Amino acid sequence: LHLDADSWQSSAATSGTMFHQFKFPAPILTSLTLVTDGRGITNGILPHMFSGEMPCLKKLCLKHLTAWPRGYFQSLTHVCLYDQNESTRPTMDEFLDFLASSPSLEELAL
């Protein structure tokens, strides 16, 4: 699933509203790309999606999203993080904890 919040059309016309459209579990989702220019995103925090249930997610790519709940992504093999706002990035310890919680990780692109 590739979501480009910048081109999403909604009645409220904000990327924050777009994420709330995806509230039900996604048990077979294997790849997720979320692209946003950062508008409607508070402190780089990924809004709650898919009831936090994406057990098959292997590939994740995030633009301008630098924070998510601990344990939100559990089985990742590929991670791409880009255009990360320096002021909202996780600390080195938080990022290392994220990597440690991803033992199947094969590819990391920053």
N, C-alpha and C. Protein backbone atom coordinates (compact mmCIF):
# COMPACT_ATOMS: atom_id res chain seq x y z
N LEU A 1 0.85 -1.17 0.00
CA LEU A 1 0.00 0.00 0.00
C LEU A 1 0.89 1.23 0.00
N HIS A 2 0.69 2.11 -0.95
CA HIS A 2 1.46 3.35 -1.06
C HIS A 2 0.48 4.51 -0.89
N LEU A 3 0.68 5.32 0.15
CA LEU A 3 -0.19 6.46 0.40
C LEU A 3 0.61 7.74 0.28
N ASP A 4 0.18 8.61 -0.62
CA ASP A 4 0.80 9.91 -0.79
C ASP A 4 -0.17 10.94 -0.23
N ALA A 5 0.07 11.37 1.00
CA ALA A 5 -0.84 12.29 1.68
C ALA A 5 -0.95 13.63 0.97
N ASP A 6 0.08 14.00 0.23
CA ASP A 6 0.07 15.29 -0.45
C ASP A 6 -0.94 15.34 -1.59
N SER A 7 -1.29 14.18 -2.14
CA SER A 7 -2.25 14.17 -3.25
C SER A 7 -3.61 13.62 -2.83
N TRP A 8 -3.76 13.31 -1.54
CA TRP A 8 -5.02 12.77 -1.03
C TRP A 8 -6.09 13.86 -1.02
N GLN A 9 -7.25 13.53 -1.52
CA GLN A 9 -8.36 14.49 -1.52
C GLN A 9 -9.37 14.06 -0.47
N SER A 10 -9.62 14.94 0.47
CA SER A 10 -10.64 14.66 1.48
C SER A 10 -11.38 15.95 1.79
N SER A 11 -12.50 15.82 2.46
CA SER A 11 -13.29 17.01 2.75
C SER A 11 -12.53 17.97 3.66
N ALA A 12 -11.71 17.44 4.56
CA ALA A 12 -10.95 18.31 5.46
C ALA A 12 -9.64 18.75 4.83
N ALA A 13 -9.20 18.07 3.78
CA ALA A 13 -7.98 18.40 3.04
C ALA A 13 -6.74 18.46 3.92
N THR A 14 -6.64 17.55 4.88
CA THR A 14 -5.43 17.47 5.70
C THR A 14 -4.93 16.04 5.69
N SER A 15 -3.61 15.88 5.74
CA SER A 15 -3.05 14.53 5.74
C SER A 15 -3.40 13.78 7.00
N GLY A 16 -3.59 14.50 8.13
CA GLY A 16 -3.97 13.83 9.37
C GLY A 16 -5.29 13.10 9.23
N THR A 17 -6.24 13.69 8.51
CA THR A 17 -7.53 13.06 8.28
C THR A 17 -7.37 11.81 7.43
N MET A 18 -6.47 11.84 6.46
CA MET A 18 -6.27 10.69 5.60
C MET A 18 -5.93 9.44 6.40
N PHE A 19 -5.04 9.57 7.36
CA PHE A 19 -4.60 8.41 8.12
C PHE A 19 -5.74 7.76 8.90
N HIS A 20 -6.70 8.56 9.33
CA HIS A 20 -7.82 8.03 10.11
C HIS A 20 -8.78 7.18 9.25
N GLN A 21 -8.62 7.23 7.94
CA GLN A 21 -9.44 6.39 7.06
C GLN A 21 -9.03 4.92 7.16
N PHE A 22 -7.86 4.67 7.70
CA PHE A 22 -7.30 3.32 7.77
C PHE A 22 -7.29 2.84 9.21
N LYS A 23 -8.49 2.62 9.77
CA LYS A 23 -8.59 2.29 11.19
C LYS A 23 -8.77 0.81 11.47
N PHE A 24 -9.10 0.03 10.47
CA PHE A 24 -9.33 -1.40 10.70
C PHE A 24 -8.04 -2.20 10.55
N PRO A 25 -7.91 -3.33 11.24
CA PRO A 25 -6.70 -4.16 11.15
C PRO A 25 -6.37 -4.51 9.70
N ALA A 26 -5.08 -4.68 9.43
CA ALA A 26 -4.60 -5.03 8.09
C ALA A 26 -3.77 -6.31 8.21
N PRO A 27 -4.43 -7.45 8.43
CA PRO A 27 -3.70 -8.69 8.72
C PRO A 27 -2.85 -9.24 7.59
N ILE A 28 -3.09 -8.83 6.34
CA ILE A 28 -2.28 -9.37 5.24
C ILE A 28 -1.44 -8.31 4.55
N LEU A 29 -1.40 -7.10 5.11
CA LEU A 29 -0.58 -6.03 4.55
C LEU A 29 0.89 -6.38 4.70
N THR A 30 1.65 -6.38 3.59
CA THR A 30 3.06 -6.74 3.64
C THR A 30 3.99 -5.56 3.39
N SER A 31 3.49 -4.50 2.75
CA SER A 31 4.33 -3.36 2.42
C SER A 31 3.54 -2.07 2.62
N LEU A 32 4.17 -1.07 3.24
CA LEU A 32 3.50 0.19 3.52
C LEU A 32 4.46 1.35 3.28
N THR A 33 4.03 2.26 2.42
CA THR A 33 4.77 3.49 2.17
C THR A 33 3.85 4.65 2.50
N LEU A 34 4.32 5.55 3.36
CA LEU A 34 3.56 6.74 3.74
C LEU A 34 4.39 7.96 3.41
N VAL A 35 3.90 8.74 2.46
CA VAL A 35 4.61 9.93 1.99
C VAL A 35 3.77 11.15 2.36
N THR A 36 4.38 12.09 3.04
CA THR A 36 3.71 13.33 3.41
C THR A 36 4.71 14.47 3.41
N ASP A 37 4.22 15.68 3.22
CA ASP A 37 5.12 16.83 3.29
C ASP A 37 5.26 17.32 4.72
N GLY A 38 4.62 16.65 5.65
CA GLY A 38 4.72 17.00 7.06
C GLY A 38 3.58 17.85 7.57
N ARG A 39 2.78 18.44 6.68
CA ARG A 39 1.62 19.22 7.14
C ARG A 39 0.61 18.27 7.77
N GLY A 40 0.02 18.66 8.85
CA GLY A 40 -0.98 17.84 9.52
C GLY A 40 -0.36 16.75 10.38
N ILE A 41 0.96 16.71 10.43
CA ILE A 41 1.66 15.72 11.25
C ILE A 41 2.25 16.47 12.44
N THR A 42 1.88 16.07 13.63
CA THR A 42 2.35 16.73 14.84
C THR A 42 3.61 16.05 15.36
N ASN A 43 4.69 16.78 15.44
CA ASN A 43 5.97 16.29 15.98
C ASN A 43 6.45 15.01 15.30
N GLY A 44 6.12 14.82 14.04
CA GLY A 44 6.58 13.66 13.30
C GLY A 44 5.94 12.35 13.73
N ILE A 45 4.88 12.42 14.51
CA ILE A 45 4.25 11.21 15.06
C ILE A 45 3.29 10.59 14.05
N LEU A 46 3.49 9.32 13.79
CA LEU A 46 2.60 8.58 12.91
C LEU A 46 1.24 8.44 13.59
N PRO A 47 0.18 8.92 12.95
CA PRO A 47 -1.16 8.73 13.52
C PRO A 47 -1.51 7.24 13.61
N HIS A 48 -2.39 6.89 14.53
CA HIS A 48 -2.79 5.50 14.72
C HIS A 48 -3.46 4.98 13.44
N MET A 49 -3.01 3.82 12.98
CA MET A 49 -3.56 3.21 11.75
C MET A 49 -3.76 1.72 11.95
N PHE A 50 -4.71 1.17 11.25
CA PHE A 50 -4.95 -0.27 11.19
C PHE A 50 -5.09 -0.90 12.58
N SER A 51 -5.63 -0.15 13.52
CA SER A 51 -5.77 -0.61 14.91
C SER A 51 -4.45 -1.13 15.47
N GLY A 52 -3.35 -0.69 14.88
CA GLY A 52 -2.04 -1.15 15.32
C GLY A 52 -1.74 -2.59 14.93
N GLU A 53 -2.60 -3.18 14.09
CA GLU A 53 -2.47 -4.59 13.72
C GLU A 53 -2.05 -4.75 12.26
N MET A 54 -0.75 -5.01 12.08
CA MET A 54 -0.16 -5.25 10.76
C MET A 54 0.85 -6.38 10.91
N PRO A 55 0.42 -7.58 11.29
CA PRO A 55 1.35 -8.65 11.64
C PRO A 55 2.23 -9.15 10.50
N CYS A 56 1.83 -8.97 9.25
CA CYS A 56 2.61 -9.46 8.11
C CYS A 56 3.46 -8.37 7.46
N LEU A 57 3.44 -7.16 8.02
CA LEU A 57 4.17 -6.07 7.41
C LEU A 57 5.67 -6.35 7.43
N LYS A 58 6.29 -6.34 6.26
CA LYS A 58 7.72 -6.61 6.12
C LYS A 58 8.49 -5.38 5.64
N LYS A 59 7.84 -4.56 4.79
CA LYS A 59 8.52 -3.42 4.20
C LYS A 59 7.81 -2.13 4.61
N LEU A 60 8.61 -1.18 5.10
CA LEU A 60 8.07 0.09 5.58
C LEU A 60 8.91 1.24 5.06
N CYS A 61 8.25 2.24 4.50
CA CYS A 61 8.93 3.44 4.04
C CYS A 61 8.14 4.65 4.54
N LEU A 62 8.82 5.55 5.26
CA LEU A 62 8.16 6.71 5.85
C LEU A 62 8.89 8.00 5.47
N LYS A 63 8.13 8.99 5.06
CA LYS A 63 8.67 10.33 4.79
C LYS A 63 8.05 11.29 5.80
N HIS A 64 8.88 12.01 6.54
CA HIS A 64 8.47 13.00 7.54
C HIS A 64 7.82 12.39 8.77
N LEU A 65 7.79 11.11 8.91
CA LEU A 65 7.22 10.46 10.10
C LEU A 65 8.37 9.84 10.87
N THR A 66 8.60 10.31 12.08
CA THR A 66 9.78 9.91 12.82
C THR A 66 9.47 9.17 14.11
N ALA A 67 8.21 9.07 14.49
CA ALA A 67 7.86 8.42 15.76
C ALA A 67 6.61 7.58 15.59
N TRP A 68 6.59 6.45 16.28
CA TRP A 68 5.45 5.55 16.27
C TRP A 68 5.48 4.79 17.59
N PRO A 69 4.34 4.21 17.97
CA PRO A 69 4.31 3.49 19.25
C PRO A 69 5.29 2.31 19.26
N ARG A 70 5.90 2.08 20.40
CA ARG A 70 6.83 0.96 20.56
C ARG A 70 6.11 -0.35 20.23
N GLY A 71 6.75 -1.20 19.45
CA GLY A 71 6.16 -2.49 19.07
C GLY A 71 5.13 -2.40 17.95
N TYR A 72 4.96 -1.21 17.38
CA TYR A 72 3.96 -1.01 16.32
C TYR A 72 4.31 -1.82 15.08
N PHE A 73 5.59 -1.89 14.75
CA PHE A 73 6.07 -2.65 13.60
C PHE A 73 6.96 -3.77 14.13
N GLN A 74 6.55 -5.02 13.95
CA GLN A 74 7.22 -6.12 14.63
C GLN A 74 8.04 -7.04 13.74
N SER A 75 7.72 -7.18 12.48
CA SER A 75 8.37 -8.19 11.64
C SER A 75 9.05 -7.59 10.41
N LEU A 76 9.58 -6.41 10.54
CA LEU A 76 10.12 -5.71 9.38
C LEU A 76 11.42 -6.34 8.87
N THR A 77 11.53 -6.41 7.54
CA THR A 77 12.76 -6.84 6.90
C THR A 77 13.42 -5.69 6.15
N HIS A 78 12.62 -4.69 5.76
CA HIS A 78 13.12 -3.54 5.01
C HIS A 78 12.52 -2.26 5.59
N VAL A 79 13.39 -1.28 5.87
CA VAL A 79 12.94 0.00 6.41
C VAL A 79 13.62 1.13 5.64
N CYS A 80 12.83 2.09 5.23
CA CYS A 80 13.33 3.28 4.55
C CYS A 80 12.75 4.49 5.28
N LEU A 81 13.61 5.35 5.78
CA LEU A 81 13.20 6.58 6.47
C LEU A 81 13.87 7.74 5.77
N TYR A 82 13.09 8.70 5.28
CA TYR A 82 13.71 9.84 4.61
C TYR A 82 12.97 11.13 4.90
N ASP A 83 13.69 12.24 4.64
CA ASP A 83 13.21 13.58 4.97
C ASP A 83 12.72 13.63 6.41
N GLN A 84 13.55 13.13 7.29
CA GLN A 84 13.23 13.11 8.71
C GLN A 84 13.62 14.44 9.33
N ASN A 85 12.68 15.08 10.02
CA ASN A 85 12.94 16.34 10.68
C ASN A 85 13.88 16.10 11.85
N GLU A 86 14.99 16.80 11.86
CA GLU A 86 16.00 16.59 12.89
C GLU A 86 15.46 16.81 14.30
N SER A 87 14.52 17.73 14.45
CA SER A 87 14.00 18.04 15.79
C SER A 87 13.02 16.99 16.31
N THR A 88 12.51 16.13 15.43
CA THR A 88 11.54 15.12 15.88
C THR A 88 12.06 13.69 15.77
N ARG A 89 13.28 13.53 15.30
CA ARG A 89 13.85 12.18 15.18
C ARG A 89 13.99 11.55 16.56
N PRO A 90 13.94 10.22 16.60
CA PRO A 90 14.17 9.57 17.90
C PRO A 90 15.62 9.76 18.34
N THR A 91 15.86 9.62 19.62
CA THR A 91 17.23 9.67 20.11
C THR A 91 17.97 8.45 19.58
N MET A 92 19.28 8.46 19.70
CA MET A 92 20.07 7.32 19.25
C MET A 92 19.65 6.06 20.00
N ASP A 93 19.44 6.16 21.31
CA ASP A 93 19.02 5.00 22.10
C ASP A 93 17.67 4.48 21.65
N GLU A 94 16.73 5.39 21.37
CA GLU A 94 15.40 4.97 20.90
C GLU A 94 15.51 4.28 19.54
N PHE A 95 16.35 4.82 18.65
CA PHE A 95 16.51 4.22 17.33
C PHE A 95 17.17 2.85 17.43
N LEU A 96 18.16 2.73 18.29
CA LEU A 96 18.82 1.42 18.49
C LEU A 96 17.85 0.41 19.09
N ASP A 97 16.96 0.86 19.98
CA ASP A 97 15.92 -0.03 20.52
C ASP A 97 15.00 -0.51 19.41
N PHE A 98 14.65 0.41 18.49
CA PHE A 98 13.81 0.04 17.36
C PHE A 98 14.51 -1.03 16.51
N LEU A 99 15.80 -0.82 16.23
CA LEU A 99 16.55 -1.79 15.44
C LEU A 99 16.65 -3.13 16.18
N ALA A 100 16.85 -3.09 17.48
CA ALA A 100 16.95 -4.32 18.27
C ALA A 100 15.62 -5.08 18.27
N SER A 101 14.51 -4.34 18.15
CA SER A 101 13.20 -5.01 18.14
C SER A 101 12.83 -5.49 16.74
N SER A 102 13.76 -5.37 15.80
CA SER A 102 13.54 -5.80 14.42
C SER A 102 14.63 -6.80 14.01
N PRO A 103 14.64 -7.98 14.63
CA PRO A 103 15.73 -8.94 14.36
C PRO A 103 15.76 -9.47 12.94
N SER A 104 14.68 -9.34 12.19
CA SER A 104 14.64 -9.83 10.81
C SER A 104 15.06 -8.77 9.80
N LEU A 105 15.44 -7.59 10.29
CA LEU A 105 15.79 -6.50 9.39
C LEU A 105 16.98 -6.86 8.51
N GLU A 106 16.78 -6.72 7.19
CA GLU A 106 17.81 -7.01 6.20
C GLU A 106 18.34 -5.75 5.54
N GLU A 107 17.47 -4.75 5.40
CA GLU A 107 17.85 -3.54 4.67
C GLU A 107 17.34 -2.31 5.41
N LEU A 108 18.24 -1.34 5.60
CA LEU A 108 17.91 -0.08 6.25
C LEU A 108 18.41 1.05 5.38
N ALA A 109 17.51 1.92 4.94
CA ALA A 109 17.88 3.07 4.12
C ALA A 109 17.48 4.33 4.86
N LEU A 110 18.48 5.19 5.07
CA LEU A 110 18.23 6.45 5.78
C LEU A 110 18.54 7.62 4.88
